[in-house]
């Protein structure tokens, strides 16, 4: 199994890049029975690092479907690691982070969900 790695190769909006597609499909072609993506943010406000693959909108479907098909074509199983960085989301990427509980240091909290 290819464990999820943080390779920071996707586009700024979370769409899969050709570089990340190539990197992951080469692992499947190389014999991994299961290839897992890097941490994939489930909400724009939950991005944890630049170049992070996204899985929260229709704009991601084409790339993710193409990736799953290619991995399957190499006889491997694809998997996605779901991720939300919460109050650890960098402000320069998401603005005010969102979190299930208030965090005075980052400004994250329940009110951020409504922003």
N, C-alpha and C. Protein backbone atom coordinates (compact mmCIF):
# COMPACT_ATOMS: atom_id res chain seq x y z
N UNK A 1 0.84 -1.18 0.00
CA UNK A 1 0.00 0.00 0.00
C UNK A 1 0.88 1.24 0.00
N UNK A 2 0.51 2.20 -0.83
CA UNK A 2 1.17 3.50 -0.80
C UNK A 2 0.49 4.34 0.28
N UNK A 3 1.21 4.63 1.33
CA UNK A 3 0.66 5.47 2.39
C UNK A 3 0.50 6.89 1.87
N UNK A 4 -0.44 7.66 2.43
CA UNK A 4 -0.63 9.04 1.98
C UNK A 4 0.60 9.89 2.32
N UNK A 5 1.03 10.64 1.34
CA UNK A 5 2.19 11.52 1.50
C UNK A 5 1.78 12.94 1.16
N UNK A 6 2.45 13.91 1.72
CA UNK A 6 2.16 15.31 1.43
C UNK A 6 3.11 15.77 0.33
N UNK A 7 2.62 15.74 -0.91
CA UNK A 7 3.50 16.10 -2.01
C UNK A 7 3.23 17.48 -2.59
N UNK A 8 2.18 18.15 -2.19
CA UNK A 8 1.91 19.55 -2.52
C UNK A 8 2.01 19.85 -4.01
N UNK A 9 1.39 19.02 -4.84
CA UNK A 9 1.51 19.18 -6.28
C UNK A 9 0.24 19.64 -6.97
N UNK A 10 -0.87 19.76 -6.26
CA UNK A 10 -2.12 20.13 -6.92
C UNK A 10 -2.22 21.64 -7.13
N UNK A 11 -3.24 22.03 -7.89
CA UNK A 11 -3.46 23.45 -8.17
C UNK A 11 -3.97 24.17 -6.93
N UNK A 12 -3.88 25.48 -6.92
CA UNK A 12 -4.27 26.30 -5.75
C UNK A 12 -5.73 26.09 -5.36
N UNK A 13 -6.60 25.78 -6.33
CA UNK A 13 -8.02 25.57 -6.02
C UNK A 13 -8.32 24.11 -5.66
N UNK A 14 -7.29 23.30 -5.52
CA UNK A 14 -7.46 21.90 -5.12
C UNK A 14 -7.64 20.93 -6.28
N UNK A 15 -7.71 21.44 -7.52
CA UNK A 15 -7.82 20.52 -8.65
C UNK A 15 -6.53 19.74 -8.82
N UNK A 16 -6.68 18.48 -9.21
CA UNK A 16 -5.55 17.59 -9.42
C UNK A 16 -4.67 18.12 -10.55
N UNK A 17 -3.39 18.18 -10.33
CA UNK A 17 -2.46 18.61 -11.38
C UNK A 17 -1.96 17.39 -12.14
N UNK A 18 -1.43 17.61 -13.32
CA UNK A 18 -0.83 16.52 -14.10
C UNK A 18 0.36 15.92 -13.36
N UNK A 19 1.10 16.75 -12.61
CA UNK A 19 2.25 16.24 -11.85
C UNK A 19 1.80 15.25 -10.78
N UNK A 20 0.74 15.62 -10.03
CA UNK A 20 0.27 14.71 -8.98
C UNK A 20 -0.36 13.47 -9.59
N UNK A 21 -1.10 13.63 -10.68
CA UNK A 21 -1.68 12.50 -11.40
C UNK A 21 -0.57 11.52 -11.80
N UNK A 22 0.48 12.03 -12.41
CA UNK A 22 1.59 11.19 -12.85
C UNK A 22 2.26 10.50 -11.66
N UNK A 23 2.50 11.24 -10.60
CA UNK A 23 3.18 10.69 -9.43
C UNK A 23 2.38 9.53 -8.85
N UNK A 24 1.07 9.71 -8.69
CA UNK A 24 0.24 8.66 -8.09
C UNK A 24 0.05 7.47 -9.02
N UNK A 25 -0.15 7.72 -10.30
CA UNK A 25 -0.35 6.60 -11.22
C UNK A 25 0.93 5.79 -11.41
N UNK A 26 2.07 6.44 -11.30
CA UNK A 26 3.34 5.70 -11.38
C UNK A 26 3.50 4.74 -10.20
N UNK A 27 2.97 5.09 -9.05
CA UNK A 27 3.02 4.18 -7.89
C UNK A 27 2.16 2.96 -8.18
N UNK A 28 0.98 3.19 -8.76
CA UNK A 28 0.11 2.06 -9.11
C UNK A 28 0.77 1.18 -10.17
N UNK A 29 1.37 1.81 -11.17
CA UNK A 29 2.06 1.06 -12.23
C UNK A 29 3.25 0.29 -11.67
N UNK A 30 3.83 0.80 -10.60
CA UNK A 30 5.00 0.17 -9.98
C UNK A 30 4.68 -1.01 -9.09
N UNK A 31 3.39 -1.30 -8.90
CA UNK A 31 3.04 -2.51 -8.15
C UNK A 31 2.32 -2.31 -6.84
N UNK A 32 2.05 -1.07 -6.43
CA UNK A 32 1.28 -0.89 -5.20
C UNK A 32 -0.14 -1.41 -5.42
N UNK A 33 -0.64 -2.24 -4.53
CA UNK A 33 -2.00 -2.78 -4.65
C UNK A 33 -3.05 -1.73 -4.29
N UNK A 34 -2.68 -0.76 -3.45
CA UNK A 34 -3.58 0.32 -3.06
C UNK A 34 -2.78 1.62 -3.08
N UNK A 35 -3.28 2.61 -3.80
CA UNK A 35 -2.62 3.91 -3.87
C UNK A 35 -3.53 4.96 -3.25
N UNK A 36 -3.07 5.60 -2.18
CA UNK A 36 -3.85 6.61 -1.47
C UNK A 36 -3.32 8.00 -1.77
N UNK A 37 -4.24 8.94 -1.98
CA UNK A 37 -3.84 10.33 -2.21
C UNK A 37 -3.25 10.92 -0.95
N UNK A 38 -2.65 12.07 -1.10
CA UNK A 38 -2.25 12.87 0.06
C UNK A 38 -3.52 13.35 0.75
N UNK A 39 -3.38 13.97 1.91
CA UNK A 39 -4.52 14.52 2.63
C UNK A 39 -5.31 15.44 1.69
N UNK A 40 -6.58 15.14 1.51
CA UNK A 40 -7.43 15.87 0.56
C UNK A 40 -8.46 16.67 1.35
N UNK A 41 -8.40 18.00 1.24
CA UNK A 41 -9.28 18.81 2.07
C UNK A 41 -10.72 18.75 1.58
N UNK A 42 -11.63 18.64 2.57
CA UNK A 42 -13.05 18.43 2.32
C UNK A 42 -13.85 19.72 2.32
N UNK A 43 -13.19 20.83 2.55
CA UNK A 43 -13.82 22.15 2.55
C UNK A 43 -12.72 23.17 2.21
N UNK A 44 -13.06 24.17 1.41
CA UNK A 44 -12.06 25.17 1.04
C UNK A 44 -11.43 25.79 2.29
N UNK A 45 -12.22 26.05 3.30
CA UNK A 45 -11.71 26.66 4.53
C UNK A 45 -10.93 25.68 5.40
N UNK A 46 -10.84 24.42 4.98
CA UNK A 46 -10.11 23.42 5.74
C UNK A 46 -8.77 23.05 5.12
N UNK A 47 -8.32 23.84 4.13
CA UNK A 47 -7.04 23.57 3.49
C UNK A 47 -5.91 23.71 4.51
N UNK A 48 -4.98 22.76 4.50
CA UNK A 48 -3.91 22.78 5.48
C UNK A 48 -2.56 23.20 4.96
N UNK A 49 -2.37 23.13 3.63
CA UNK A 49 -1.07 23.48 3.06
C UNK A 49 -1.23 23.82 1.58
N UNK A 50 -0.30 24.59 1.03
CA UNK A 50 -0.36 24.93 -0.40
C UNK A 50 -0.23 23.67 -1.26
N UNK A 51 -0.90 23.66 -2.39
CA UNK A 51 -0.80 22.53 -3.31
C UNK A 51 -1.57 21.31 -2.88
N UNK A 52 -2.47 21.47 -1.91
CA UNK A 52 -3.24 20.35 -1.38
C UNK A 52 -4.39 20.00 -2.32
N UNK A 53 -4.54 18.73 -2.60
CA UNK A 53 -5.63 18.26 -3.44
C UNK A 53 -6.96 18.46 -2.70
N UNK A 54 -8.00 18.82 -3.44
CA UNK A 54 -9.31 19.05 -2.85
C UNK A 54 -10.31 17.99 -3.26
N UNK A 55 -11.34 17.83 -2.41
CA UNK A 55 -12.39 16.86 -2.70
C UNK A 55 -13.72 17.39 -2.18
N UNK A 56 -13.95 18.69 -2.42
CA UNK A 56 -15.14 19.33 -1.85
C UNK A 56 -16.05 19.98 -2.88
N UNK A 57 -15.75 19.86 -4.15
CA UNK A 57 -16.60 20.52 -5.14
C UNK A 57 -16.58 19.83 -6.48
N UNK A 58 -17.55 20.19 -7.30
CA UNK A 58 -17.65 19.61 -8.64
C UNK A 58 -16.40 19.84 -9.47
N UNK A 59 -15.67 20.93 -9.21
CA UNK A 59 -14.46 21.22 -9.97
C UNK A 59 -13.39 20.15 -9.79
N UNK A 60 -13.51 19.32 -8.78
CA UNK A 60 -12.51 18.29 -8.50
C UNK A 60 -12.86 16.94 -9.14
N UNK A 61 -14.11 16.77 -9.55
CA UNK A 61 -14.58 15.46 -10.03
C UNK A 61 -13.82 14.95 -11.24
N UNK A 62 -13.58 15.78 -12.22
CA UNK A 62 -12.92 15.32 -13.45
C UNK A 62 -11.54 14.73 -13.14
N UNK A 63 -10.72 15.47 -12.38
CA UNK A 63 -9.38 14.99 -12.06
C UNK A 63 -9.39 13.76 -11.18
N UNK A 64 -10.27 13.74 -10.18
CA UNK A 64 -10.33 12.58 -9.28
C UNK A 64 -10.83 11.34 -10.01
N UNK A 65 -11.80 11.51 -10.91
CA UNK A 65 -12.30 10.38 -11.69
C UNK A 65 -11.22 9.85 -12.62
N UNK A 66 -10.52 10.76 -13.27
CA UNK A 66 -9.42 10.37 -14.17
C UNK A 66 -8.35 9.62 -13.39
N UNK A 67 -8.04 10.10 -12.19
CA UNK A 67 -7.04 9.45 -11.34
C UNK A 67 -7.49 8.04 -10.94
N UNK A 68 -8.73 7.90 -10.47
CA UNK A 68 -9.24 6.60 -10.05
C UNK A 68 -9.23 5.61 -11.22
N UNK A 69 -9.64 6.08 -12.40
CA UNK A 69 -9.65 5.21 -13.58
C UNK A 69 -8.24 4.74 -13.94
N UNK A 70 -7.28 5.64 -13.88
CA UNK A 70 -5.90 5.30 -14.24
C UNK A 70 -5.29 4.33 -13.22
N UNK A 71 -5.54 4.57 -11.96
CA UNK A 71 -5.02 3.67 -10.92
C UNK A 71 -5.63 2.29 -11.09
N UNK A 72 -6.93 2.25 -11.30
CA UNK A 72 -7.63 0.97 -11.53
C UNK A 72 -7.07 0.27 -12.78
N UNK A 73 -6.75 1.05 -13.80
CA UNK A 73 -6.19 0.50 -15.03
C UNK A 73 -4.85 -0.19 -14.84
N UNK A 74 -4.16 0.17 -13.77
CA UNK A 74 -2.88 -0.48 -13.45
C UNK A 74 -3.07 -1.64 -12.47
N UNK A 75 -4.33 -2.01 -12.20
CA UNK A 75 -4.61 -3.13 -11.31
C UNK A 75 -4.53 -2.79 -9.84
N UNK A 76 -4.55 -1.52 -9.52
CA UNK A 76 -4.46 -1.05 -8.14
C UNK A 76 -5.81 -0.50 -7.69
N UNK A 77 -5.98 -0.34 -6.42
CA UNK A 77 -7.18 0.26 -5.84
C UNK A 77 -6.83 1.67 -5.40
N UNK A 78 -7.71 2.62 -5.68
CA UNK A 78 -7.46 4.01 -5.26
C UNK A 78 -8.22 4.31 -3.97
N UNK A 79 -7.65 5.20 -3.21
CA UNK A 79 -8.25 5.63 -1.95
C UNK A 79 -7.90 7.09 -1.72
N UNK A 80 -8.77 7.80 -1.02
CA UNK A 80 -8.55 9.22 -0.73
C UNK A 80 -8.46 9.40 0.78
N UNK A 81 -7.43 10.10 1.23
CA UNK A 81 -7.34 10.45 2.65
C UNK A 81 -8.08 11.77 2.84
N UNK A 82 -9.19 11.75 3.59
CA UNK A 82 -9.96 12.95 3.86
C UNK A 82 -9.29 13.77 4.95
N UNK A 83 -9.36 15.11 4.80
CA UNK A 83 -8.64 15.98 5.73
C UNK A 83 -9.33 17.33 5.87
N UNK A 84 -9.32 17.84 7.07
CA UNK A 84 -9.74 19.22 7.35
C UNK A 84 -8.78 19.75 8.41
N UNK A 85 -8.07 20.81 8.11
CA UNK A 85 -7.04 21.32 9.01
C UNK A 85 -7.59 22.08 10.21
N UNK A 86 -8.88 22.44 10.18
CA UNK A 86 -9.48 23.13 11.32
C UNK A 86 -8.74 24.41 11.68
N UNK A 87 -8.50 24.59 12.97
CA UNK A 87 -7.85 25.83 13.41
C UNK A 87 -6.37 25.90 13.04
N UNK A 88 -5.85 24.85 12.42
CA UNK A 88 -4.46 24.85 11.96
C UNK A 88 -4.35 25.27 10.49
N UNK A 89 -5.47 25.59 9.86
CA UNK A 89 -5.43 26.08 8.48
C UNK A 89 -4.69 27.41 8.44
N UNK A 90 -3.73 27.56 7.55
CA UNK A 90 -3.00 28.82 7.46
C UNK A 90 -3.92 29.97 7.02
N UNK A 91 -3.89 31.06 7.76
CA UNK A 91 -4.72 32.22 7.42
C UNK A 91 -4.46 32.72 6.01
N UNK A 92 -3.21 32.64 5.55
CA UNK A 92 -2.90 33.13 4.20
C UNK A 92 -3.55 32.28 3.12
N UNK A 93 -4.00 31.07 3.46
CA UNK A 93 -4.70 30.22 2.49
C UNK A 93 -6.22 30.32 2.61
N UNK A 94 -6.72 30.42 3.83
CA UNK A 94 -8.18 30.30 4.04
C UNK A 94 -8.84 31.53 4.65
N UNK A 95 -8.07 32.52 5.06
CA UNK A 95 -8.66 33.64 5.79
C UNK A 95 -8.82 33.24 7.24
N UNK A 96 -10.02 33.35 7.76
CA UNK A 96 -10.28 32.94 9.15
C UNK A 96 -10.53 31.43 9.16
N UNK A 97 -9.72 30.67 9.90
CA UNK A 97 -9.92 29.23 9.96
C UNK A 97 -11.24 28.88 10.64
N UNK A 98 -11.76 27.69 10.32
CA UNK A 98 -12.97 27.20 10.97
C UNK A 98 -12.59 26.04 11.89
N UNK A 99 -13.34 25.92 12.97
CA UNK A 99 -13.03 24.91 13.96
C UNK A 99 -14.30 24.62 14.75
N UNK A 100 -14.45 23.40 15.27
CA UNK A 100 -15.64 23.10 16.07
C UNK A 100 -15.64 23.77 17.43
N UNK A 101 -14.49 24.28 17.85
CA UNK A 101 -14.44 25.00 19.13
C UNK A 101 -13.65 26.29 18.94
N UNK A 102 -13.91 27.25 19.79
CA UNK A 102 -13.25 28.54 19.69
C UNK A 102 -11.75 28.41 19.99
N UNK A 103 -10.96 29.17 19.25
CA UNK A 103 -9.52 29.22 19.46
C UNK A 103 -9.10 30.68 19.39
N UNK A 104 -8.91 31.34 20.54
CA UNK A 104 -8.57 32.75 20.55
C UNK A 104 -7.29 33.09 19.80
N UNK A 105 -6.33 32.15 19.72
CA UNK A 105 -5.07 32.43 19.04
C UNK A 105 -5.26 32.58 17.53
N UNK A 106 -6.12 31.78 16.93
CA UNK A 106 -6.30 31.82 15.47
C UNK A 106 -7.56 32.56 15.06
N UNK A 107 -8.48 32.78 16.01
CA UNK A 107 -9.77 33.37 15.67
C UNK A 107 -10.76 32.35 15.17
N UNK A 108 -10.35 31.08 15.12
CA UNK A 108 -11.24 30.03 14.64
C UNK A 108 -12.32 29.75 15.67
N UNK A 109 -13.42 29.24 15.17
CA UNK A 109 -14.50 28.84 16.06
C UNK A 109 -15.79 28.65 15.32
N UNK A 110 -16.82 28.40 16.09
CA UNK A 110 -18.14 28.11 15.52
C UNK A 110 -18.64 29.27 14.67
N UNK A 111 -18.36 30.52 15.05
CA UNK A 111 -18.83 31.67 14.26
C UNK A 111 -18.18 31.72 12.89
N UNK A 112 -16.97 31.19 12.75
CA UNK A 112 -16.29 31.19 11.46
C UNK A 112 -17.03 30.34 10.43
N UNK A 113 -17.76 29.31 10.89
CA UNK A 113 -18.53 28.47 9.97
C UNK A 113 -19.61 29.26 9.27
N UNK A 114 -20.11 30.29 9.91
CA UNK A 114 -21.21 31.07 9.35
C UNK A 114 -20.72 32.23 8.48
N UNK A 115 -19.41 32.43 8.44
CA UNK A 115 -18.86 33.56 7.68
C UNK A 115 -18.86 33.28 6.20
